[in-house]
């Protein structure tokens, strides 16, 4: 039996982790010299605390006002409260994930089992982050394949998409046909201040046909995330799987991408869009429609772990995104918030750390060196 517990407080700790050398993300025009992270700690009157991270929590005081006194096992009530806060302010979903961690700890059960336990491990696809020369990208792909990774996502962002297709062609020749390649066009959204023009449907369709020829597993975000009619038109022009929705703000946006836009793979991130409970509903919608759920996981190591639990619990997609593009983006850089890195196994699969809740107990003393607030 779980101890009777009520939420007693919501605490945040902010950190800044230096990146030296800087990381040049394909989707960001400004090299990253540090990574900011907010750790959310949800305390209970039973002396048990749940933790999560992945996004800032600017509305901590508002959330605390409505969450204190609530039974943390009432996860649907937590979701509804967070939805109201999300509508009026920032994205509150790290707090929701921390409450799932708290619930799992109170029940002495991993979150993925509480969610249904459809899978015990998932196939990882290594998600690249840099734009590098074709020979270097092919070399890295072969190295991943040789260590057991079975799938890789490549980033587009050259001014001419044909140059990006040439990279895919080069990598395909190097790794062979038994290695899956996903492609992220990065057209769904832009970093603050980035005014680069987006693709139109005609451009996306031409690119998709080239990727079909190369056996790409999916084409991700070839259009703006709010261009539902564009996705609907694109769906009629290509047979490749289309993935989208990593930055949707609400479940209705994900719903429309499937029911109206014909998208094959929904990608909302639990720490950015809907939390674990909200994304579980999106995953169920995808399943009912014969589509797949495979979330975005590029926040930090804690965010990856949160998404891993949901995909293990409910996902019908064989793959889960694992940000991993060494040497520029190593597991150590990604997982600096965690007491130990989360590794892709030799068979290409991955699972979260063992233990109740999310399976992570942060080393708060070790993190103090990077704390800023």
Protein backbone atom coordinates (compact mmCIF):
# COMPACT_ATOMS: atom_id res chain seq x y z
CA UNK A 1 0.00 0.00 0.00
CA UNK A 2 1.21 3.47 -0.87
CA UNK A 3 1.50 5.85 2.09
CA UNK A 4 -1.15 8.56 2.28
CA UNK A 5 0.48 11.64 0.84
CA UNK A 6 -0.34 15.16 -0.25
CA UNK A 7 1.79 17.58 -2.25
CA UNK A 8 3.39 20.02 0.18
CA UNK A 9 5.50 22.24 -2.08
CA UNK A 10 7.05 22.90 -5.49
CA UNK A 11 10.72 23.91 -5.57
CA UNK A 12 12.93 24.86 -8.50
CA UNK A 13 16.71 24.95 -8.82
CA UNK A 14 18.32 26.52 -11.86
CA UNK A 15 21.66 25.50 -13.34
CA UNK A 16 23.96 26.61 -16.16
CA UNK A 17 26.27 23.96 -17.60
CA UNK A 18 29.18 25.22 -19.76
CA UNK A 19 29.67 23.76 -23.24
CA UNK A 20 33.33 23.97 -24.22
CA UNK A 21 33.82 23.67 -27.12
CA UNK A 22 30.47 25.24 -28.10
CA UNK A 23 27.78 23.09 -29.68
CA UNK A 24 26.56 24.25 -33.11
CA UNK A 25 23.04 22.86 -33.37
CA UNK A 26 21.72 22.57 -36.91
CA UNK A 27 18.48 24.36 -35.95
CA UNK A 28 20.13 27.23 -34.06
CA UNK A 29 22.07 30.00 -35.84
CA UNK A 30 23.93 30.83 -32.62
CA UNK A 31 26.54 28.36 -31.25
CA UNK A 32 25.64 27.20 -27.76
CA UNK A 33 28.25 27.92 -25.10
CA UNK A 34 26.11 26.66 -22.20
CA UNK A 35 22.93 24.77 -21.41
CA UNK A 36 20.43 26.12 -18.89
CA UNK A 37 18.29 23.67 -16.93
CA UNK A 38 15.65 23.94 -14.23
CA UNK A 39 15.27 21.03 -11.85
CA UNK A 40 11.73 20.78 -10.43
CA UNK A 41 11.28 19.14 -7.04
CA UNK A 42 7.74 18.34 -5.91
CA UNK A 43 7.68 17.61 -2.18
CA UNK A 44 5.08 15.64 -0.24
CA UNK A 45 4.04 15.50 3.40
CA UNK A 46 5.14 11.84 3.39
CA UNK A 47 8.76 12.95 3.09
CA UNK A 48 9.01 11.69 -0.51
CA UNK A 49 10.07 14.03 -3.34
CA UNK A 50 9.62 13.69 -7.09
CA UNK A 51 11.97 15.38 -9.56
CA UNK A 52 12.09 16.19 -13.26
CA UNK A 53 13.67 18.62 -15.70
CA UNK A 54 13.50 19.57 -19.35
CA UNK A 55 12.12 23.10 -19.50
CA UNK A 56 11.93 26.24 -17.36
CA UNK A 57 9.08 26.66 -14.87
CA UNK A 58 8.24 30.38 -14.75
CA UNK A 59 4.85 29.76 -13.07
CA UNK A 60 6.10 27.86 -10.04
CA UNK A 61 4.15 29.99 -7.54
CA UNK A 62 0.89 29.62 -9.46
CA UNK A 63 1.33 25.87 -9.76
CA UNK A 64 2.19 25.52 -6.10
CA UNK A 65 -0.97 27.40 -5.12
CA UNK A 66 -3.17 24.85 -6.91
CA UNK A 67 -1.10 21.69 -6.32
CA UNK A 68 -0.41 21.89 -2.59
CA UNK A 69 -2.79 19.58 -0.74
CA UNK A 70 -3.50 17.42 -3.79
CA UNK A 71 -3.03 13.65 -3.78
CA UNK A 72 -0.14 13.06 -6.25
CA UNK A 73 -1.74 9.83 -7.44
CA UNK A 74 -4.58 11.89 -8.97
CA UNK A 75 -2.56 12.36 -12.15
CA UNK A 76 -5.54 13.39 -14.29
CA UNK A 77 -6.38 16.18 -11.88
CA UNK A 78 -2.73 17.28 -12.06
CA UNK A 79 -2.95 17.31 -15.88
CA UNK A 80 -6.07 19.48 -15.83
CA UNK A 81 -4.48 21.97 -13.44
CA UNK A 82 -1.35 22.15 -15.59
CA UNK A 83 -3.44 22.71 -18.73
CA UNK A 84 -5.04 25.81 -17.18
CA UNK A 85 -1.62 27.16 -16.18
CA UNK A 86 -0.24 26.38 -19.64
CA UNK A 87 -3.03 28.41 -21.26
CA UNK A 88 -2.23 31.54 -19.27
CA UNK A 89 1.56 31.26 -18.93
CA UNK A 90 4.61 29.11 -19.57
CA UNK A 91 4.84 25.39 -20.18
CA UNK A 92 4.38 23.73 -16.74
CA UNK A 93 4.96 20.13 -17.77
CA UNK A 94 8.20 19.43 -15.91
CA UNK A 95 6.17 19.77 -12.72
CA UNK A 96 3.67 17.22 -14.03
CA UNK A 97 6.50 14.80 -14.82
CA UNK A 98 7.96 15.35 -11.34
CA UNK A 99 4.58 14.41 -9.84
CA UNK A 100 4.61 11.18 -11.86
CA UNK A 101 8.07 10.53 -10.36
CA UNK A 102 6.61 11.19 -6.91
CA UNK A 103 3.68 8.85 -7.59
CA UNK A 104 6.02 6.08 -8.72
CA UNK A 105 8.18 6.50 -5.63
CA UNK A 106 5.14 6.36 -3.35
CA UNK A 107 4.03 3.15 -5.08
CA UNK A 108 7.60 1.78 -5.34
CA UNK A 109 7.01 1.21 -9.07
CA UNK A 110 8.67 2.58 -12.23
CA UNK A 111 6.52 5.08 -14.12
CA UNK A 112 6.63 2.99 -17.32
CA UNK A 113 4.90 0.14 -15.49
CA UNK A 114 2.26 2.47 -14.04
CA UNK A 115 1.54 3.59 -17.60
CA UNK A 116 0.88 0.06 -18.86
CA UNK A 117 4.29 -1.45 -19.52
CA UNK A 118 3.78 -2.21 -23.20
CA UNK A 119 7.57 -2.45 -23.71
CA UNK A 120 10.55 -3.16 -21.47
CA UNK A 121 13.11 -1.64 -23.83
CA UNK A 122 12.93 0.48 -27.00
CA UNK A 123 15.10 0.62 -30.08
CA UNK A 124 17.09 3.86 -29.94
CA UNK A 125 17.58 6.03 -32.96
CA UNK A 126 20.62 8.23 -32.55
CA UNK A 127 19.52 11.80 -33.20
CA UNK A 128 22.28 13.89 -34.74
CA UNK A 129 22.62 17.57 -33.93
CA UNK A 130 25.41 19.07 -36.01
CA UNK A 131 25.77 19.88 -39.68
CA UNK A 132 29.02 18.27 -40.82
CA UNK A 133 30.61 17.40 -44.13
CA UNK A 134 29.23 14.29 -45.91
CA UNK A 135 32.38 12.21 -45.30
CA UNK A 136 32.34 13.01 -41.58
CA UNK A 137 28.62 12.27 -41.27
CA UNK A 138 29.12 8.94 -43.03
CA UNK A 139 32.06 8.11 -40.75
CA UNK A 140 29.99 8.84 -37.64
CA UNK A 141 27.08 6.79 -38.99
CA UNK A 142 29.29 3.77 -39.59
CA UNK A 143 30.74 4.11 -36.08
CA UNK A 144 27.23 4.11 -34.62
CA UNK A 145 26.23 1.09 -36.67
CA UNK A 146 29.34 -0.80 -35.61
CA UNK A 147 28.55 -0.24 -31.93
CA UNK A 148 25.03 -1.66 -32.31
CA UNK A 149 22.87 1.37 -33.08
CA UNK A 150 20.27 0.47 -35.71
CA UNK A 151 18.89 3.85 -36.76
CA UNK A 152 20.04 7.46 -37.17
CA UNK A 153 18.28 10.77 -37.72
CA UNK A 154 20.00 13.26 -40.02
CA UNK A 155 19.46 17.02 -39.88
CA UNK A 156 18.65 19.22 -42.86
CA UNK A 157 19.42 22.92 -42.86
CA UNK A 158 21.51 23.83 -45.87
CA UNK A 159 20.18 26.69 -47.97
CA UNK A 160 19.62 24.21 -50.79
CA UNK A 161 17.87 21.01 -49.64
CA UNK A 162 19.58 19.08 -52.44
CA UNK A 163 22.86 19.39 -50.53
CA UNK A 164 21.17 17.73 -47.56
CA UNK A 165 19.81 14.93 -49.75
CA UNK A 166 23.36 14.37 -51.01
CA UNK A 167 24.44 13.80 -47.38
CA UNK A 168 21.67 11.20 -46.95
CA UNK A 169 22.80 9.51 -50.16
CA UNK A 170 26.40 9.45 -48.95
CA UNK A 171 25.41 7.99 -45.57
CA UNK A 172 23.14 5.39 -47.17
CA UNK A 173 26.00 4.19 -49.35
CA UNK A 174 28.23 3.89 -46.27
CA UNK A 175 25.84 2.07 -43.89
CA UNK A 176 23.86 -0.09 -46.31
CA UNK A 177 20.15 -0.79 -46.56
CA UNK A 178 19.67 -2.54 -43.20
CA UNK A 179 20.29 0.64 -41.20
CA UNK A 180 17.27 2.95 -40.82
CA UNK A 181 17.65 6.64 -41.64
CA UNK A 182 15.21 9.31 -40.46
CA UNK A 183 15.41 12.87 -41.74
CA UNK A 184 14.49 16.05 -39.84
CA UNK A 185 13.88 19.02 -42.13
CA UNK A 186 13.58 21.38 -39.12
CA UNK A 187 10.86 23.45 -40.78
CA UNK A 188 8.27 23.16 -38.01
CA UNK A 189 9.45 26.10 -35.88
CA UNK A 190 12.33 28.55 -35.47
CA UNK A 191 14.56 29.66 -32.63
CA UNK A 192 13.90 33.15 -31.28
CA UNK A 193 15.02 35.75 -33.82
CA UNK A 194 15.58 33.25 -36.65
CA UNK A 195 13.76 34.55 -39.76
CA UNK A 196 14.96 31.93 -42.23
CA UNK A 197 12.23 31.19 -44.80
CA UNK A 198 10.29 27.91 -44.52
CA UNK A 199 9.60 25.29 -47.13
CA UNK A 200 6.35 25.25 -49.05
CA UNK A 201 4.41 22.11 -49.99
CA UNK A 202 6.03 21.87 -53.42
CA UNK A 203 9.55 21.91 -51.93
CA UNK A 204 8.60 19.39 -49.27
CA UNK A 205 7.08 17.07 -51.91
CA UNK A 206 10.16 17.19 -54.13
CA UNK A 207 12.41 16.43 -51.18
CA UNK A 208 10.13 13.62 -49.98
CA UNK A 209 10.30 11.90 -53.35
CA UNK A 210 14.10 11.93 -53.22
CA UNK A 211 14.06 10.50 -49.70
CA UNK A 212 11.64 7.76 -50.74
CA UNK A 213 14.21 6.71 -53.33
CA UNK A 214 16.83 6.47 -50.57
CA UNK A 215 14.60 4.41 -48.26
CA UNK A 216 14.25 6.99 -45.48
CA UNK A 217 12.07 5.78 -42.61
CA UNK A 218 10.36 9.15 -42.15
CA UNK A 219 10.56 12.84 -43.08
CA UNK A 220 10.13 15.02 -40.01
CA UNK A 221 8.64 18.51 -39.89
CA UNK A 222 8.92 19.44 -43.58
CA UNK A 223 6.33 22.21 -43.00
CA UNK A 224 5.32 24.64 -40.27
CA UNK A 225 3.77 22.79 -37.35
CA UNK A 226 0.53 24.78 -37.71
CA UNK A 227 0.15 24.16 -41.47
CA UNK A 228 -2.39 21.37 -41.16
CA UNK A 229 -3.74 21.87 -44.68
CA UNK A 230 -0.20 21.80 -46.04
CA UNK A 231 0.41 18.45 -44.39
CA UNK A 232 -2.86 17.19 -45.83
CA UNK A 233 -1.73 18.20 -49.32
CA UNK A 234 1.73 16.71 -48.81
CA UNK A 235 0.26 13.41 -47.65
CA UNK A 236 -1.33 12.99 -51.11
CA UNK A 237 1.98 13.60 -52.88
CA UNK A 238 4.32 11.14 -51.16
CA UNK A 239 4.39 7.66 -49.70
CA UNK A 240 7.09 8.34 -47.09
CA UNK A 241 6.04 8.49 -43.43
CA UNK A 242 5.58 12.08 -42.27
CA UNK A 243 6.41 13.02 -38.66
CA UNK A 244 5.46 16.26 -36.91
CA UNK A 245 4.15 17.90 -33.76
CA UNK A 246 7.14 18.07 -31.42
CA UNK A 247 6.30 21.60 -30.25
CA UNK A 248 2.50 21.55 -30.28
CA UNK A 249 1.07 23.39 -27.30
CA UNK A 250 -2.11 21.34 -26.86
CA UNK A 251 -3.60 17.93 -27.60
CA UNK A 252 -6.02 19.48 -30.09
CA UNK A 253 -3.10 20.48 -32.31
CA UNK A 254 -1.77 16.93 -32.31
CA UNK A 255 -5.29 15.66 -33.02
CA UNK A 256 -5.63 17.89 -36.06
CA UNK A 257 -2.25 16.82 -37.43
CA UNK A 258 -3.49 13.22 -37.48
CA UNK A 259 -7.17 13.56 -38.36
CA UNK A 260 -6.90 16.47 -40.81
CA UNK A 261 -3.22 16.53 -41.79
CA UNK A 262 -2.66 12.81 -42.27
CA UNK A 263 0.59 12.83 -40.27
CA UNK A 264 1.95 9.32 -39.58
CA UNK A 265 4.12 9.95 -36.51
CA UNK A 266 3.19 12.32 -33.66
CA UNK A 267 6.11 13.72 -31.67
CA UNK A 268 5.04 15.88 -28.69
CA UNK A 269 7.63 15.98 -25.92
CA UNK A 270 6.26 15.26 -22.43
CA UNK A 271 8.31 18.05 -20.79
CA UNK A 272 7.18 20.62 -23.38
CA UNK A 273 3.67 19.64 -24.50
CA UNK A 274 1.05 18.00 -22.34
CA UNK A 275 3.13 16.13 -19.82
CA UNK A 276 3.07 12.39 -19.40
CA UNK A 277 -0.70 12.24 -18.97
CA UNK A 278 -1.43 14.50 -21.93
CA UNK A 279 0.99 12.75 -24.27
CA UNK A 280 -0.43 9.40 -23.20
CA UNK A 281 -3.76 10.57 -24.66
CA UNK A 282 -2.02 11.67 -27.87
CA UNK A 283 -0.31 8.27 -28.11
CA UNK A 284 -3.69 6.56 -27.70
CA UNK A 285 -5.13 8.70 -30.50
CA UNK A 286 -2.24 7.77 -32.76
CA UNK A 287 -2.75 4.09 -31.97
CA UNK A 288 -6.50 4.25 -32.64
CA UNK A 289 -5.81 5.85 -36.03
CA UNK A 290 -3.12 3.33 -37.00
CA UNK A 291 -0.37 5.93 -36.57
CA UNK A 292 2.64 6.11 -34.27
CA UNK A 293 3.81 8.15 -31.30
CA UNK A 294 7.56 8.81 -31.01
CA UNK A 295 8.37 11.90 -28.95
CA UNK A 296 10.93 14.64 -29.36
CA UNK A 297 13.53 14.29 -26.57
CA UNK A 298 16.04 17.13 -27.17
CA UNK A 299 15.91 18.98 -23.86
CA UNK A 300 18.34 17.38 -21.41
CA UNK A 301 19.02 13.94 -19.92
CA UNK A 302 16.12 14.22 -17.50
CA UNK A 303 13.76 15.09 -20.35
CA UNK A 304 14.99 12.04 -22.26
CA UNK A 305 14.24 9.83 -19.25
CA UNK A 306 10.73 11.27 -18.87
CA UNK A 307 9.96 10.52 -22.52
CA UNK A 308 11.51 7.06 -22.28
CA UNK A 309 9.06 6.11 -19.56
CA UNK A 310 6.05 7.10 -21.64
CA UNK A 311 7.29 5.35 -24.78
CA UNK A 312 7.97 2.17 -22.81
CA UNK A 313 4.53 2.41 -21.30
CA UNK A 314 2.40 2.99 -24.37
CA UNK A 315 4.22 3.47 -27.69
CA UNK A 316 3.63 1.26 -30.72
CA UNK A 317 6.54 2.86 -32.60
CA UNK A 318 9.64 0.64 -32.44
CA UNK A 319 11.99 3.63 -32.14
CA UNK A 320 12.63 6.36 -29.60
CA UNK A 321 14.80 9.44 -30.14
CA UNK A 322 18.09 9.53 -28.24
CA UNK A 323 20.10 12.75 -28.74
CA UNK A 324 23.53 11.35 -29.47
CA UNK A 325 26.05 12.75 -31.95
CA UNK A 326 29.54 12.18 -30.57
CA UNK A 327 31.90 13.83 -30.16
CA UNK A 328 29.90 17.08 -30.39
CA UNK A 329 26.92 15.76 -28.39
CA UNK A 330 27.99 12.87 -26.21
CA UNK A 331 25.94 11.03 -23.60
CA UNK A 332 28.00 12.82 -20.93
CA UNK A 333 27.08 16.25 -22.30
CA UNK A 334 23.43 15.29 -22.67
CA UNK A 335 23.09 13.71 -19.20
CA UNK A 336 25.06 16.11 -17.01
CA UNK A 337 22.02 16.55 -14.72
CA UNK A 338 21.87 12.81 -14.03
CA UNK A 339 24.10 10.89 -11.59
CA UNK A 340 24.98 8.46 -14.42
CA UNK A 341 24.55 8.54 -18.19
CA UNK A 342 21.80 6.57 -19.94
CA UNK A 343 23.50 4.28 -22.44
CA UNK A 344 22.35 2.64 -25.67
CA UNK A 345 22.99 -1.10 -25.22
CA UNK A 346 25.02 -3.24 -27.61
CA UNK A 347 21.80 -4.53 -29.20
CA UNK A 348 20.68 -0.98 -30.04
CA UNK A 349 18.02 -0.76 -27.32
CA UNK A 350 17.62 1.66 -24.43
CA UNK A 351 15.70 1.84 -21.16
CA UNK A 352 15.55 4.37 -18.32
CA UNK A 353 17.51 3.81 -15.13
CA UNK A 354 16.02 1.08 -12.91
CA UNK A 355 14.07 1.98 -9.80
CA UNK A 356 10.77 3.51 -8.73
CA UNK A 357 9.38 6.62 -10.35
CA UNK A 358 11.65 7.88 -13.11
CA UNK A 359 14.57 5.88 -11.67
CA UNK A 360 16.73 8.98 -11.15
CA UNK A 361 17.83 10.47 -7.83
CA UNK A 362 19.72 13.67 -8.63
CA UNK A 363 22.97 14.36 -6.79
CA UNK A 364 22.08 17.84 -5.57
CA UNK A 365 25.44 18.36 -3.91
CA UNK A 366 27.34 17.56 -7.12
CA UNK A 367 25.07 19.90 -9.12
CA UNK A 368 25.77 22.87 -6.83
CA UNK A 369 28.86 23.82 -8.85
CA UNK A 370 26.56 24.83 -11.76
CA UNK A 371 23.69 26.29 -9.76
CA UNK A 372 22.71 29.89 -10.55
CA UNK A 373 19.40 30.25 -8.66
